[in-house]
C-alpha atoms as a PDB file:
ATOM      1  CA  MET A   1      23.497   8.636  11.039  1.00  0.00           C
ATOM      2  CA  LYS A   2      20.551   6.640  12.324  1.00  0.00           C
ATOM      3  CA  LYS A   3      17.795   6.308   9.756  1.00  0.00           C
ATOM      4  CA  GLU A   4      14.310   7.224  10.933  1.00  0.00           C
ATOM      5  CA  HIS A   5      12.795   4.050   9.516  1.00  0.00           C
ATOM      6  CA  ASP A   6      15.009   1.895  11.778  1.00  0.00           C
ATOM      7  CA  VAL A   7      11.922   1.905  14.010  1.00  0.00           C
ATOM      8  CA  PHE A   8      10.519  -0.865  11.795  1.00  0.00           C
ATOM      9  CA  ALA A   9      13.563  -3.057  12.372  1.00  0.00           C
ATOM     10  CA  THR A  10      13.356  -2.242  16.087  1.00  0.00           C
ATOM     11  CA  ALA A  11       9.710  -3.320  16.182  1.00  0.00           C
ATOM     12  CA  LYS A  12      10.570  -6.647  14.584  1.00  0.00           C
ATOM     13  CA  VAL A  13      13.555  -7.220  16.879  1.00  0.00           C
ATOM     14  CA  CYS A  14      11.493  -6.386  19.979  1.00  0.00           C
ATOM     15  CA  MET A  15       8.712  -8.785  19.016  1.00  0.00           C
ATOM     16  CA  GLU A  16      11.162 -11.588  18.257  1.00  0.00           C
ATOM     17  CA  ALA A  17      13.132 -10.939  21.458  1.00  0.00           C
ATOM     18  CA  PHE A  18      10.014 -10.974  23.626  1.00  0.00           C
ATOM     19  CA  LYS A  19       8.744 -14.163  22.000  1.00  0.00           C
ATOM     20  CA  ALA A  20      12.084 -15.870  22.638  1.00  0.00           C
ATOM     21  CA  LYS A  21      12.207 -14.723  26.283  1.00  0.00           C
ATOM     22  CA  TYR A  22       8.566 -15.666  26.866  1.00  0.00           C
ATOM     23  CA  ASP A  23       9.010 -19.134  25.404  1.00  0.00           C
ATOM     24  CA  LYS A  24      12.223 -19.639  27.385  1.00  0.00           C
ATOM     25  CA  ALA A  25      10.557 -18.591  30.657  1.00  0.00           C
ATOM     26  CA  MET A  26       7.599 -20.907  30.054  1.00  0.00           C
ATOM     27  CA  ALA A  27       9.894 -23.811  29.171  1.00  0.00           C
ATOM     28  CA  LYS A  28      11.874 -23.220  32.374  1.00  0.00           C
ATOM     29  CA  LYS A  29       8.646 -23.118  34.386  1.00  0.00           C
ATOM     30  CA  LYS A  30       7.521 -26.423  32.888  1.00  0.00           C
ATOM     31  CA  GLU A  31      10.904 -28.000  33.600  1.00  0.00           C
ATOM     32  CA  ARG A  32      10.879 -26.807  37.236  1.00  0.00           C
ATOM     33  CA  PHE A  33       7.451 -28.321  37.832  1.00  0.00           C
ATOM     34  CA  LYS A  34       8.617 -31.522  36.161  1.00  0.00           C
ATOM     35  CA  ASN A  35      11.632 -31.774  38.484  1.00  0.00           C
ATOM     36  CA  LEU A  36       9.718 -30.760  41.612  1.00  0.00           C
ATOM     37  CA  ASN A  37       8.891 -34.313  42.671  1.00  0.00           C
ATOM     38  CA  ILE A  38      12.402 -35.460  41.790  1.00  0.00           C
ATOM     39  CA  ASN A  39      14.314 -32.847  43.763  1.00  0.00           C
ATOM     40  CA  PHE A  40      11.977 -32.430  46.738  1.00  0.00           C
ATOM     41  CA  LYS A  41       9.884 -34.648  48.935  1.00  0.00           C
ATOM     42  CA  PRO A  42       6.210 -34.048  48.098  1.00  0.00           C
ATOM     43  CA  GLY A  43       4.464 -32.127  50.859  1.00  0.00           C
ATOM     44  CA  SER A  44       7.674 -31.058  52.587  1.00  0.00           C
ATOM     45  CA  PRO A  45       8.245 -27.381  53.460  1.00  0.00           C
ATOM     46  CA  MET A  46      10.951 -27.114  50.799  1.00  0.00           C
ATOM     47  CA  PHE A  47       8.656 -28.726  48.222  1.00  0.00           C
ATOM     48  CA  ILE A  48       5.867 -26.260  48.995  1.00  0.00           C
ATOM     49  CA  ALA A  49       8.240 -23.289  49.032  1.00  0.00           C
ATOM     50  CA  GLU A  50       9.718 -24.238  45.643  1.00  0.00           C
ATOM     51  CA  ARG A  51       6.289 -24.947  44.158  1.00  0.00           C
ATOM     52  CA  ASP A  52       4.965 -21.574  45.280  1.00  0.00           C
ATOM     53  CA  ARG A  53       7.958 -19.749  43.772  1.00  0.00           C
ATOM     54  CA  ILE A  54       7.828 -21.228  40.272  1.00  0.00           C
ATOM     55  CA  THR A  55       4.824 -19.398  38.787  1.00  0.00           C
ATOM     56  CA  PRO A  56       5.502 -15.955  40.357  1.00  0.00           C
ATOM     57  CA  GLU A  57       9.158 -16.041  39.288  1.00  0.00           C
ATOM     58  CA  CYS A  58       8.139 -17.008  35.761  1.00  0.00           C
ATOM     59  CA  THR A  59       5.634 -14.143  35.695  1.00  0.00           C
ATOM     60  CA  VAL A  60       8.259 -11.644  36.870  1.00  0.00           C
ATOM     61  CA  GLU A  61      10.700 -12.867  34.214  1.00  0.00           C
ATOM     62  CA  ILE A  62       8.086 -12.425  31.488  1.00  0.00           C
ATOM     63  CA  GLU A  63       6.982  -8.996  32.728  1.00  0.00           C
ATOM     64  CA  ASP A  64      10.594  -7.781  32.887  1.00  0.00           C
ATOM     65  CA  ALA A  65      11.114  -8.913  29.296  1.00  0.00           C
ATOM     66  CA  ARG A  66       7.860  -7.255  28.238  1.00  0.00           C
ATOM     67  CA  HIS A  67       8.858  -3.996  29.931  1.00  0.00           C
ATOM     68  CA  ASP A  68      12.313  -3.955  28.330  1.00  0.00           C
ATOM     69  CA  CYS A  69      10.963  -4.653  24.838  1.00  0.00           C
ATOM     70  CA  LEU A  70       8.163  -2.107  25.129  1.00  0.00           C
ATOM     71  CA  LYS A  71      10.620   0.522  26.343  1.00  0.00           C
ATOM     72  CA  ALA A  72      13.054  -0.164  23.494  1.00  0.00           C
ATOM     73  CA  PHE A  73      10.278   0.123  20.915  1.00  0.00           C
ATOM     74  CA  ASN A  74       8.662   3.202  22.475  1.00  0.00           C
ATOM     75  CA  ASP A  75      12.031   4.972  22.667  1.00  0.00           C
ATOM     76  CA  ALA A  76      12.696   4.256  18.979  1.00  0.00           C
ATOM     77  CA  LEU A  77       9.184   5.388  18.066  1.00  0.00           C
ATOM     78  CA  GLU A  78       9.489   8.642  20.010  1.00  0.00           C
ATOM     79  CA  GLU A  79      12.863   9.382  18.410  1.00  0.00           C
ATOM     80  CA  THR A  80      11.423   8.748  14.949  1.00  0.00           C
ATOM     81  CA  ILE A  81       8.438  11.044  15.506  1.00  0.00           C
ATOM     82  CA  ILE A  82      10.706  13.828  16.784  1.00  0.00           C
ATOM     83  CA  CYS A  83      12.935  13.493  13.701  1.00  0.00           C
ATOM     84  CA  GLU A  84      10.009  13.481  11.280  1.00  0.00           C
ATOM     85  CA  ARG A  85       8.414  16.544  12.867  1.00  0.00           C
ATOM     86  CA  ALA A  86      11.774  18.314  12.722  1.00  0.00           C
ATOM     87  CA  HIS A  87      12.078  17.612   8.982  1.00  0.00           C
ATOM     88  CA  ALA A  88       8.774  19.397   8.388  1.00  0.00           C
ATOM     89  CA  THR A  89       9.990  22.558  10.132  1.00  0.00           C
ATOM     90  CA  VAL A  90      13.163  23.056   8.082  1.00  0.00           C
ATOM     91  CA  ILE A  91      12.777  25.656   5.322  1.00  0.00           C
ATOM     92  CA  THR A  92      16.099  26.976   4.049  1.00  0.00           C
ATOM     93  CA  ASN A  93      16.799  29.688   1.486  1.00  0.00           C
ATOM     94  CA  ASP A  94      17.606  26.976  -1.061  1.00  0.00           C
ATOM     95  CA  THR A  95      14.255  25.333  -0.356  1.00  0.00           C
ATOM     96  CA  THR A  96      12.392  28.598  -0.875  1.00  0.00           C
ATOM     97  CA  ARG A  97      14.262  29.324  -4.109  1.00  0.00           C
ATOM     98  CA  LEU A  98      13.652  25.873  -5.575  1.00  0.00           C
ATOM     99  CA  MET A  99       9.986  25.894  -4.568  1.00  0.00           C
ATOM    100  CA  GLY A 100       9.633  29.131  -6.506  1.00  0.00           C
ATOM    101  CA  VAL A 101      11.099  27.461  -9.590  1.00  0.00           C
ATOM    102  CA  LEU A 102       9.020  24.286  -9.300  1.00  0.00           C
ATOM    103  CA  ASP A 103       5.883  26.294  -8.596  1.00  0.00           C
ATOM    104  CA  CYS A 104       5.978  27.383 -12.240  1.00  0.00           C
ATOM    105  CA  LEU A 105       5.136  23.779 -13.167  1.00  0.00           C
ATOM    106  CA  LYS A 106       1.915  23.604 -11.196  1.00  0.00           C
ATOM    107  CA  ASP A 107      -0.198  24.590 -14.215  1.00  0.00           C
ATOM    108  CA  SER A 108       1.874  22.710 -16.809  1.00  0.00           C
ATOM    109  CA  SER A 109       1.517  19.162 -18.113  1.00  0.00           C
ATOM    110  CA  VAL A 110       4.471  17.065 -16.973  1.00  0.00           C
ATOM    111  CA  SER A 111       5.240  13.619 -18.405  1.00  0.00           C
ATOM    112  CA  VAL A 112       6.449  10.669 -16.335  1.00  0.00           C
ATOM    113  CA  ASP A 113       9.932  10.986 -17.812  1.00  0.00           C
ATOM    114  CA  GLU A 114      10.136  14.722 -17.116  1.00  0.00           C
ATOM    115  CA  TYR A 115       8.887  14.179 -13.585  1.00  0.00           C
ATOM    116  CA  ALA A 116      11.398  11.367 -12.956  1.00  0.00           C
ATOM    117  CA  ALA A 117      14.262  13.555 -14.202  1.00  0.00           C
ATOM    118  CA  LEU A 118      13.282  16.384 -11.856  1.00  0.00           C
ATOM    119  CA  VAL A 119      12.864  14.097  -8.836  1.00  0.00           C
ATOM    120  CA  GLU A 120      16.214  12.435  -9.480  1.00  0.00           C
ATOM    121  CA  VAL A 121      17.951  15.801  -9.140  1.00  0.00           C
ATOM    122  CA  TYR A 122      15.802  17.651  -6.604  1.00  0.00           C
ATOM    123  CA  GLY A 123      13.702  15.025  -4.809  1.00  0.00           C
ATOM    124  CA  ASN A 124      14.121  13.569  -1.299  1.00  0.00           C
ATOM    125  CA  LYS A 125      16.323  16.433  -0.118  1.00  0.00           C
ATOM    126  CA  SER A 126      13.755  18.750   1.410  1.00  0.00           C
ATOM    127  CA  TYR A 127      10.404  17.924   3.014  1.00  0.00           C
ATOM    128  CA  TRP A 128       8.546  20.817   1.400  1.00  0.00           C
ATOM    129  CA  ILE A 129      10.080  20.263  -2.023  1.00  0.00           C
ATOM    130  CA  ASP A 130       8.774  16.694  -1.836  1.00  0.00           C
ATOM    131  CA  ARG A 131       5.296  17.969  -0.963  1.00  0.00           C
ATOM    132  CA  LEU A 132       5.402  20.136  -4.083  1.00  0.00           C
ATOM    133  CA  PHE A 133       6.468  17.123  -6.148  1.00  0.00           C
ATOM    134  CA  GLU A 134       3.502  15.217  -4.710  1.00  0.00           C
ATOM    135  CA  LYS A 135       1.140  17.913  -5.989  1.00  0.00           C
ATOM    136  CA  ILE A 136       2.748  17.857  -9.440  1.00  0.00           C
ATOM    137  CA  ALA A 137       2.474  14.051  -9.528  1.00  0.00           C
ATOM    138  CA  GLU A 138      -1.179  14.095  -8.449  1.00  0.00           C
ATOM    139  CA  LYS A 139      -2.105  16.737 -11.024  1.00  0.00           C
ATOM    140  CA  ASN A 140      -0.485  14.752 -13.824  1.00  0.00           C
ATOM    141  CA  GLY A 141      -1.799  11.338 -12.823  1.00  0.00           C
ATOM    142  CA  ILE A 142       1.566   9.938 -11.751  1.00  0.00           C
ATOM    143  CA  PHE A 143       1.144   7.130  -9.203  1.00  0.00           C
ATOM    144  CA  GLU A 144       4.755   6.635  -8.156  1.00  0.00           C
ATOM    145  CA  THR A 145       5.761   9.951  -6.597  1.00  0.00           C
ATOM    146  CA  LYS A 146       9.302   8.698  -5.850  1.00  0.00           C
ATOM    147  CA  VAL A 147       9.462  11.037  -2.839  1.00  0.00           C
ATOM    148  CA  GLN A 148       8.811  10.563   0.859  1.00  0.00           C
ATOM    149  CA  PRO A 149       5.162  10.657   2.016  1.00  0.00           C
ATOM    150  CA  SER A 150       3.757  13.568   4.001  1.00  0.00           C
ATOM    151  CA  LEU A 151       4.166  13.875   7.772  1.00  0.00           C
ATOM    152  CA  THR A 152       0.485  13.027   8.234  1.00  0.00           C
ATOM    153  CA  ALA A 153       0.857   9.833   6.200  1.00  0.00           C
ATOM    154  CA  LYS A 154       4.001   8.829   8.094  1.00  0.00           C
ATOM    155  CA  LEU A 155       2.419   9.417  11.504  1.00  0.00           C
ATOM    156  CA  GLU A 156      -0.576   7.343  10.442  1.00  0.00           C
ATOM    157  CA  ILE A 157       1.710   4.455   9.495  1.00  0.00           C
ATOM    158  CA  LEU A 158       3.697   4.817  12.731  1.00  0.00           C
ATOM    159  CA  ASN A 159       0.449   4.675  14.718  1.00  0.00           C
ATOM    160  CA  GLU A 160      -0.449   1.442  12.940  1.00  0.00           C
ATOM    161  CA  LEU A 161       3.001   0.008  13.643  1.00  0.00           C
ATOM    162  CA  ALA A 162       2.791   1.054  17.300  1.00  0.00           C
ATOM    163  CA  ALA A 163      -0.667  -0.457  17.785  1.00  0.00           C
ATOM    164  CA  ASN A 164       0.378  -3.801  16.282  1.00  0.00           C
ATOM    165  CA  THR A 165       3.704  -3.979  18.120  1.00  0.00           C
ATOM    166  CA  ARG A 166       2.205  -3.082  21.505  1.00  0.00           C
ATOM    167  CA  GLU A 167      -0.641  -5.534  21.028  1.00  0.00           C
ATOM    168  CA  TYR A 168       1.870  -8.281  20.308  1.00  0.00           C
ATOM    169  CA  LEU A 169       4.085  -7.438  23.292  1.00  0.00           C
ATOM    170  CA  ASN A 170       1.126  -7.111  25.662  1.00  0.00           C
ATOM    171  CA  GLU A 171      -0.886 -10.127  24.551  1.00  0.00           C
ATOM    172  CA  TYR A 172       1.475 -12.759  23.170  1.00  0.00           C
ATOM    173  CA  ASP A 173       0.988 -15.894  25.266  1.00  0.00           C
ATOM    174  CA  GLY A 174       2.746 -18.599  23.299  1.00  0.00           C
ATOM    175  CA  GLU A 175      -0.296 -20.658  22.383  1.00  0.00           C
ATOM    176  CA  LYS A 176      -3.516 -18.687  22.137  1.00  0.00           C
ATOM    177  CA  LYS A 177      -2.163 -15.767  20.131  1.00  0.00           C
ATOM    178  CA  ASN A 178       0.748 -16.077  17.758  1.00  0.00           C
ATOM    179  CA  PHE A 179       0.006 -12.957  15.663  1.00  0.00           C
ATOM    180  CA  PRO A 180       1.420 -14.612  12.503  1.00  0.00           C
ATOM    181  CA  VAL A 181       0.463 -11.719  10.217  1.00  0.00           C
ATOM    182  CA  THR A 182       1.261  -8.506  12.085  1.00  0.00           C
ATOM    183  CA  SER A 183       4.602  -9.819  13.330  1.00  0.00           C
ATOM    184  CA  SER A 184       5.772 -11.305  10.028  1.00  0.00           C
ATOM    185  CA  ASP A 185       8.755  -9.986   8.092  1.00  0.00           C
ATOM    186  CA  LYS A 186       6.546  -9.424   5.045  1.00  0.00           C
ATOM    187  CA  TYR A 187       4.034  -7.325   6.984  1.00  0.00           C
ATOM    188  CA  ILE A 188       6.719  -5.159   8.589  1.00  0.00           C
ATOM    189  CA  TYR A 189       8.490  -4.747   5.239  1.00  0.00           C
ATOM    190  CA  LYS A 190       5.286  -3.654   3.500  1.00  0.00           C
ATOM    191  CA  MET A 191       4.621  -1.117   6.224  1.00  0.00           C
ATOM    192  CA  GLU A 192       8.155   0.243   5.923  1.00  0.00           C
ATOM    193  CA  GLU A 193       7.752   0.404   2.147  1.00  0.00           C
ATOM    194  CA  ARG A 194       4.657   2.562   2.562  1.00  0.00           C
ATOM    195  CA  TYR A 195       6.507   4.713   5.067  1.00  0.00           C
ATOM    196  CA  THR A 196       9.546   5.388   2.904  1.00  0.00           C
ATOM    197  CA  ASN A 197       7.857   5.751  -0.471  1.00  0.00           C
ATOM    198  CA  GLY A 198       4.707   5.091  -2.411  1.00  0.00           C
ATOM    199  CA  TYR A 199       2.134   5.521   0.374  1.00  0.00           C
ATOM    200  CA  SER A 200      -1.342   6.424  -0.837  1.00  0.00           C
ATOM    201  CA  GLY A 201      -4.119   7.488   1.490  1.00  0.00           C
ATOM    202  CA  VAL A 202      -6.752   6.144  -0.891  1.00  0.00           C
ATOM    203  CA  HIS A 203      -8.926   3.500   0.750  1.00  0.00           C
ATOM    204  CA  MET A 204     -11.387   2.921  -2.113  1.00  0.00           C
ATOM    205  CA  SER A 205     -11.925  -0.025  -4.397  1.00  0.00           C
ATOM    206  CA  GLY A 206      -9.901  -0.173  -7.589  1.00  0.00           C
ATOM    207  CA  ARG A 207     -13.010   0.667  -9.605  1.00  0.00           C
ATOM    208  CA  GLU A 208     -13.883   3.735  -7.555  1.00  0.00           C
ATOM    209  CA  THR A 209     -10.272   4.902  -7.589  1.00  0.00           C
ATOM    210  CA  ALA A 210     -10.135   4.560 -11.383  1.00  0.00           C
ATOM    211  CA  LYS A 211     -13.373   6.514 -11.796  1.00  0.00           C
ATOM    212  CA  ARG A 212     -12.068   9.311  -9.609  1.00  0.00           C
ATOM    213  CA  LEU A 213      -8.741   9.489 -11.455  1.00  0.00           C
ATOM    214  CA  VAL A 214     -10.300   9.399 -14.921  1.00  0.00           C
ATOM    215  CA  SER A 215     -12.895  12.009 -13.988  1.00  0.00           C
ATOM    216  CA  LYS A 216     -10.154  14.319 -12.764  1.00  0.00           C
ATOM    217  CA  ALA A 217      -8.024  13.769 -15.884  1.00  0.00           C
ATOM    218  CA  LEU A 218     -10.893  14.352 -18.319  1.00  0.00           C
ATOM    219  CA  GLY A 219     -11.796  17.564 -16.528  1.00  0.00           C
ATOM    220  CA  MET A 220      -8.414  19.128 -17.249  1.00  0.00           C
ATOM    221  CA  GLY A 221      -7.803  22.090 -19.555  1.00  0.00           C
ATOM    222  CA  ASP A 222      -7.164  20.878 -23.096  1.00  0.00           C
ATOM    223  CA  SER A 223      -6.620  17.637 -25.005  1.00  0.00           C
ATOM    224  CA  LEU A 224      -2.847  17.779 -24.447  1.00  0.00           C
ATOM    225  CA  ASP A 225      -3.281  18.016 -20.671  1.00  0.00           C
ATOM    226  CA  ARG A 226      -5.793  15.159 -20.717  1.00  0.00           C
ATOM    227  CA  SER A 227      -3.588  12.992 -22.925  1.00  0.00           C
ATOM    228  CA  VAL A 228      -0.446  13.537 -20.841  1.00  0.00           C
ATOM    229  CA  THR A 229      -2.263  12.871 -17.565  1.00  0.00           C
ATOM    230  CA  LEU A 230      -3.927   9.681 -18.812  1.00  0.00           C
ATOM    231  CA  SER A 231      -0.638   8.441 -20.294  1.00  0.00           C
ATOM    232  CA  ASN A 232       1.097   9.052 -16.976  1.00  0.00           C
ATOM    233  CA  MET A 233      -1.639   7.193 -15.110  1.00  0.00           C
ATOM    234  CA  LEU A 234      -1.392   4.168 -17.369  1.00  0.00           C
ATOM    235  CA  ARG A 235       2.405   4.091 -17.344  1.00  0.00           C
ATOM    236  CA  THR A 236       2.690   4.200 -13.556  1.00  0.00           C
ATOM    237  CA  ALA A 237      -0.367   2.158 -12.499  1.00  0.00           C
ATOM    238  CA  THR A 238      -0.378  -1.536 -11.626  1.00  0.00           C
ATOM    239  CA  PRO A 239      -1.771  -3.914 -14.300  1.00  0.00           C
ATOM    240  CA  ASP A 240      -5.049  -4.258 -12.386  1.00  0.00           C
ATOM    241  CA  MET A 241      -5.440  -0.498 -12.100  1.00  0.00           C
ATOM    242  CA  GLN A 242      -4.550  -0.090 -15.790  1.00  0.00           C
ATOM    243  CA  ASP A 243      -7.449  -2.384 -16.669  1.00  0.00           C
ATOM    244  CA  GLU A 244      -9.799  -0.442 -14.395  1.00  0.00           C
ATOM    245  CA  ILE A 245      -8.785   2.901 -15.928  1.00  0.00           C
ATOM    246  CA  LEU A 246      -9.126   1.641 -19.511  1.00  0.00           C
ATOM    247  CA  SER A 247     -12.456   0.040 -18.694  1.00  0.00           C
ATOM    248  CA  VAL A 248     -13.794   3.344 -17.347  1.00  0.00           C
ATOM    249  CA  LEU A 249     -12.483   5.197 -20.411  1.00  0.00           C
ATOM    250  CA  ALA A 250     -14.342   2.789 -22.698  1.00  0.00           C
ATOM    251  CA  GLU A 251     -17.723   3.174 -20.987  1.00  0.00           C
ATOM    252  CA  GLY A 252     -20.746   5.162 -22.068  1.00  0.00           C
ATOM    253  CA  GLU A 253     -22.406   6.030 -25.361  1.00  0.00           C
ATOM    254  CA  ARG A 254     -19.594   8.456 -26.198  1.00  0.00           C
ATOM    255  CA  PRO A 255     -16.487   6.827 -24.715  1.00  0.00           C
ATOM    256  CA  ALA A 256     -13.545   9.074 -23.977  1.00  0.00           C
ATOM    257  CA  LEU A 257     -11.453   6.701 -26.028  1.00  0.00           C
ATOM    258  CA  SER A 258     -13.372   7.682 -29.157  1.00  0.00           C
ATOM    259  CA  ASP A 259     -12.193  11.282 -28.833  1.00  0.00           C
ATOM    260  CA  PRO A 260     -10.046  11.906 -31.957  1.00  0.00           C
ATOM    261  CA  THR A 261      -8.013  14.553 -30.115  1.00  0.00           C
ATOM    262  CA  MET A 262      -6.831  12.029 -27.530  1.00  0.00           C
ATOM    263  CA  ASN A 263      -3.188  11.127 -28.119  1.00  0.00           C
ATOM    264  CA  LEU A 264      -1.594   8.773 -25.621  1.00  0.00           C
ATOM    265  CA  THR A 265       2.096   7.959 -25.901  1.00  0.00           C
ATOM    266  CA  GLY A 266       4.180   5.179 -24.398  1.00  0.00           C
ATOM    267  CA  VAL A 267       1.221   2.957 -23.452  1.00  0.00           C
ATOM    268  CA  LYS A 268       0.476   1.039 -26.656  1.00  0.00           C
ATOM    269  CA  ASP A 269       1.446  -2.273 -25.037  1.00  0.00           C
ATOM    270  CA  VAL A 270      -0.906  -1.580 -22.126  1.00  0.00           C
ATOM    271  CA  VAL A 271      -3.810  -0.748 -24.437  1.00  0.00           C
ATOM    272  CA  ASP A 272      -3.091  -3.727 -26.716  1.00  0.00           C
ATOM    273  CA  ARG A 273      -3.116  -6.086 -23.735  1.00  0.00           C
ATOM    274  CA  PHE A 274      -6.432  -4.703 -22.542  1.00  0.00           C
ATOM    275  CA  ILE A 275      -7.991  -4.878 -26.019  1.00  0.00           C
ATOM    276  CA  LYS A 276      -6.956  -8.527 -26.319  1.00  0.00           C
ATOM    277  CA  THR A 277      -8.351  -9.407 -22.893  1.00  0.00           C
ATOM    278  CA  ASP A 278     -11.511  -7.351 -23.344  1.00  0.00           C
ATOM    279  CA  GLY A 279     -12.052  -8.751 -26.828  1.00  0.00           C
ATOM    280  CA  GLU A 280     -11.879 -12.296 -25.508  1.00  0.00           C
ATOM    281  CA  LEU A 281     -14.423 -11.443 -22.819  1.00  0.00           C
ATOM    282  CA  VAL A 282     -16.751  -9.883 -25.411  1.00  0.00           C
ATOM    283  CA  LYS A 283     -16.508 -12.992 -27.604  1.00  0.00           C
ATOM    284  CA  ALA A 284     -17.239 -15.267 -24.649  1.00  0.00           C
ATOM    285  CA  ALA A 285     -20.258 -13.177 -23.644  1.00  0.00           C
ATOM    286  CA  SER A 286     -21.511 -13.106 -27.237  1.00  0.00           C
ATOM    287  CA  ALA A 287     -21.242 -16.886 -27.508  1.00  0.00           C
ATOM    288  CA  ALA A 288     -23.163 -17.303 -24.259  1.00  0.00           C
ATOM    289  CA  MET A 289     -25.916 -14.949 -25.473  1.00  0.00           C
ATOM    290  CA  LYS A 290     -26.231 -16.854 -28.751  1.00  0.00           C
ATOM    291  CA  LYS A 291     -26.667 -20.108 -26.850  1.00  0.00           C
ATOM    292  CA  ALA A 292     -29.321 -18.491 -24.663  1.00  0.00           C
ATOM    293  CA  ASP A 293     -31.159 -17.069 -27.689  1.00  0.00           C
ATOM    294  CA  SER A 294     -31.005 -20.458 -29.374  1.00  0.00           C
ATOM    295  CA  ALA A 295     -32.483 -22.154 -26.339  1.00  0.00           C
ATOM    296  CA  LYS A 296     -35.303 -19.604 -26.121  1.00  0.00           C
ATOM    297  CA  SER A 297     -36.253 -19.960 -29.771  1.00  0.00           C
ATOM    298  CA  HIS A 298     -36.239 -23.779 -29.588  1.00  0.00           C
ATOM    299  CA  GLY A 299     -34.085 -24.040 -32.671  1.00  0.00           C
ATOM    300  CA  LYS A 300     -35.756 -21.259 -34.677  1.00  0.00           C
ATOM    301  CA  CYS A 301     -33.387 -18.991 -36.563  1.00  0.00           C
ATOM    302  CA  THR A 302     -33.696 -15.242 -36.206  1.00  0.00           C
ATOM    303  CA  SER A 303     -33.033 -12.913 -39.100  1.00  0.00           C
ATOM    304  CA  ARG A 304     -31.171 -10.357 -37.054  1.00  0.00           C
ATOM    305  CA  ASN A 305     -29.192 -10.435 -33.808  1.00  0.00           C
ATOM    306  CA  PRO A 306     -29.832  -7.173 -31.865  1.00  0.00           C
ATOM    307  CA  GLY A 307     -26.480  -7.553 -30.171  1.00  0.00           C
ATOM    308  CA  ASN A 308     -24.603  -7.154 -33.448  1.00  0.00           C
ATOM    309  CA  ASN A 309     -25.109  -3.391 -33.489  1.00  0.00           C
ATOM    310  CA  ARG A 310     -23.945  -2.869 -29.930  1.00  0.00           C
ATOM    311  CA  ARG A 311     -20.780  -0.892 -29.473  1.00  0.00           C
ATOM    312  CA  THR A 312     -18.203  -2.816 -27.450  1.00  0.00           C
ATOM    313  CA  LYS A 313     -15.284  -1.514 -25.431  1.00  0.00           C
ATOM    314  CA  THR A 314     -12.998  -3.023 -28.045  1.00  0.00           C
ATOM    315  CA  ASP A 315     -14.707  -0.955 -30.757  1.00  0.00           C
ATOM    316  CA  SER A 316     -14.005   2.163 -28.709  1.00  0.00           C
ATOM    317  CA  PHE A 317     -10.305   1.364 -28.461  1.00  0.00           C
ATOM    318  CA  GLN A 318      -9.993   0.582 -32.165  1.00  0.00           C
ATOM    319  CA  THR A 319     -11.631   3.900 -33.053  1.00  0.00           C
ATOM    320  CA  TRP A 320      -9.346   5.728 -30.642  1.00  0.00           C
ATOM    321  CA  LEU A 321      -6.132   4.049 -31.787  1.00  0.00           C
END
């Protein structure tokens, strides 16, 4: 059975095929002009006739190749969209029954391990079951949903793929535009990766994303819900996002990390890494401040350093742990 995401491979093949045909046509055109004076007497009727045919015939060859490649891609794209829309319309009795069972989890705290076990058995088999899993993952701060993205997300990615592929096929000219990024294997692979799993519609900075996620987690019912959600976030986030989340949690006069009821599990290594990094930054900043204070006082010693009583992010983590 043809996989829907074959459209990504088709896009790559079409771009490579057009580039090859374009370059071949241009090389043939150059060679024909080069041999014009050799094969024909300059100024003769045959010379003029051949000269006047070279460029138009090259243009026709390129346009035929462009048309064929665009058609192949557009056909694959249309087929993919039809298949994806069809998936969203299928609701069987089994789907309805399972959604009723999973719906019971919408108000419960679910750990990463529990979520993974459920998805392994029931995920990626029904479009609407996957949407329910997405909601459960979002509620519990789980980044990797392990299920297919929504139809809206997929169509958005397909539109991006279509725009880039058509631009390449319509505008590639061999020299002026090589489109090294949008036509690369890495770019196409990343787009396909978003399409098949792990797509997130968030277009904010890491800091803003972390603030939003932490705010949502801390606003949940009780300490158990908050702890489970934050643990899930930290276990499934990238290292950079882990640092952002922990940094947000350590902010303020009453950091969330100082809450004695907070009980995170399975993320000690993540927290330890952040404490070590943050502690080194605090020490470096403290040393810089001491040098500045020393310069200001022209060598005079002060009896008390106001910075010594400041609460650092590291202090917050040590209190929490």
